Amino acid sequence: MKIIHDCFGQAVRWTDERMAHVLQHQEMADMETEVEHTLQSPAEVRVSRSDSTVQLFYEY
């Protein structure tokens, strides 16, 4: 498990299981470093429409 601090200074627990789940998506292959960077410095952060407690971090 790795702790990453997001752009708001919140600690994010980034487990091997979670990383494996994200990397299952073909478009995310070999993007471990980019995922961390996006959490730390996103272009945009939105609140999920289906769960107001979830933040979605975007980098284009």
C-alpha atoms as a PDB file:
ATOM      1  CA  MET A   1       0.000   0.000   0.000  1.00  0.00           C
ATOM      2  CA  LYS A   2       1.132   3.504  -0.814  1.00  0.00           C
ATOM      3  CA  ILE A   3      -0.132   6.789   0.647  1.00  0.00           C
ATOM      4  CA  ILE A   4      -0.502   9.610  -1.875  1.00  0.00           C
ATOM      5  CA  HIS A   5      -1.532  13.113  -0.872  1.00  0.00           C
ATOM      6  CA  ASP A   6      -4.010  14.595  -3.308  1.00  0.00           C
ATOM      7  CA  CYS A   7      -4.221  18.230  -4.415  1.00  0.00           C
ATOM      8  CA  PHE A   8      -6.310  19.007  -1.298  1.00  0.00           C
ATOM      9  CA  GLY A   9      -3.694  17.525   1.044  1.00  0.00           C
ATOM     10  CA  GLN A  10      -5.867  14.499   1.845  1.00  0.00           C
ATOM     11  CA  ALA A  11      -4.138  11.144   2.265  1.00  0.00           C
ATOM     12  CA  VAL A  12      -5.242   8.585  -0.327  1.00  0.00           C
ATOM     13  CA  ARG A  13      -4.589   4.898   0.433  1.00  0.00           C
ATOM     14  CA  TRP A  14      -3.442   3.449  -2.913  1.00  0.00           C
ATOM     15  CA  THR A  15      -3.431  -0.315  -2.471  1.00  0.00           C
ATOM     16  CA  ASP A  16      -1.997  -2.867  -4.892  1.00  0.00           C
ATOM     17  CA  GLU A  17      -5.531  -4.209  -5.292  1.00  0.00           C
ATOM     18  CA  ARG A  18      -6.900  -0.785  -6.296  1.00  0.00           C
ATOM     19  CA  MET A  19      -4.022  -0.171  -8.717  1.00  0.00           C
ATOM     20  CA  ALA A  20      -4.593  -3.603 -10.299  1.00  0.00           C
ATOM     21  CA  HIS A  21      -8.276  -2.760 -10.731  1.00  0.00           C
ATOM     22  CA  VAL A  22      -7.494   0.548 -12.460  1.00  0.00           C
ATOM     23  CA  LEU A  23      -4.857  -1.045 -14.697  1.00  0.00           C
ATOM     24  CA  GLN A  24      -7.349  -3.684 -15.887  1.00  0.00           C
ATOM     25  CA  HIS A  25      -8.754  -0.985 -18.153  1.00  0.00           C
ATOM     26  CA  GLN A  26      -6.859  -1.165 -21.438  1.00  0.00           C
ATOM     27  CA  GLU A  27      -6.498   2.613 -21.739  1.00  0.00           C
ATOM     28  CA  MET A  28      -4.796   2.716 -18.321  1.00  0.00           C
ATOM     29  CA  ALA A  29      -2.015   0.183 -19.060  1.00  0.00           C
ATOM     30  CA  ASP A  30       1.380   1.367 -17.754  1.00  0.00           C
ATOM     31  CA  MET A  31      -0.133   4.541 -16.285  1.00  0.00           C
ATOM     32  CA  GLU A  32       0.809   4.119 -12.600  1.00  0.00           C
ATOM     33  CA  THR A  33       2.881   7.321 -12.515  1.00  0.00           C
ATOM     34  CA  GLU A  34       0.223   9.319 -14.354  1.00  0.00           C
ATOM     35  CA  VAL A  35      -2.464   8.216 -11.889  1.00  0.00           C
ATOM     36  CA  GLU A  36      -0.387   9.503  -8.981  1.00  0.00           C
ATOM     37  CA  HIS A  37       0.349  12.768 -10.805  1.00  0.00           C
ATOM     38  CA  THR A  38      -3.359  13.268 -11.585  1.00  0.00           C
ATOM     39  CA  LEU A  39      -4.284  12.890  -7.916  1.00  0.00           C
ATOM     40  CA  GLN A  40      -1.641  15.435  -6.947  1.00  0.00           C
ATOM     41  CA  SER A  41      -2.189  17.928  -9.764  1.00  0.00           C
ATOM     42  CA  PRO A  42      -5.435  17.357 -11.680  1.00  0.00           C
ATOM     43  CA  ALA A  43      -6.745  19.581 -14.451  1.00  0.00           C
ATOM     44  CA  GLU A  44     -10.193  19.265 -12.908  1.00  0.00           C
ATOM     45  CA  VAL A  45     -11.945  17.669  -9.919  1.00  0.00           C
ATOM     46  CA  ARG A  46     -15.674  16.900 -10.021  1.00  0.00           C
ATOM     47  CA  VAL A  47     -18.089  15.451  -7.507  1.00  0.00           C
ATOM     48  CA  SER A  48     -19.661  12.201  -8.684  1.00  0.00           C
ATOM     49  CA  ARG A  49     -23.318  12.487  -9.717  1.00  0.00           C
ATOM     50  CA  SER A  50     -24.096   9.086  -8.226  1.00  0.00           C
ATOM     51  CA  ASP A  51     -22.243   9.535  -4.912  1.00  0.00           C
ATOM     52  CA  SER A  52     -21.658  13.005  -3.495  1.00  0.00           C
ATOM     53  CA  THR A  53     -18.867  11.687  -1.256  1.00  0.00           C
ATOM     54  CA  VAL A  54     -16.762  10.667  -4.289  1.00  0.00           C
ATOM     55  CA  GLN A  55     -14.395  13.045  -6.065  1.00  0.00           C
ATOM     56  CA  LEU A  56     -13.318  12.374  -9.657  1.00  0.00           C
ATOM     57  CA  PHE A  57      -9.868  13.623 -10.662  1.00  0.00           C
ATOM     58  CA  TYR A  58      -9.238  14.432 -14.331  1.00  0.00           C
ATOM     59  CA  GLU A  59      -6.173  15.094 -16.470  1.00  0.00           C
ATOM     60  CA  TYR A  60      -6.532  15.576 -20.205  1.00  0.00           C
END
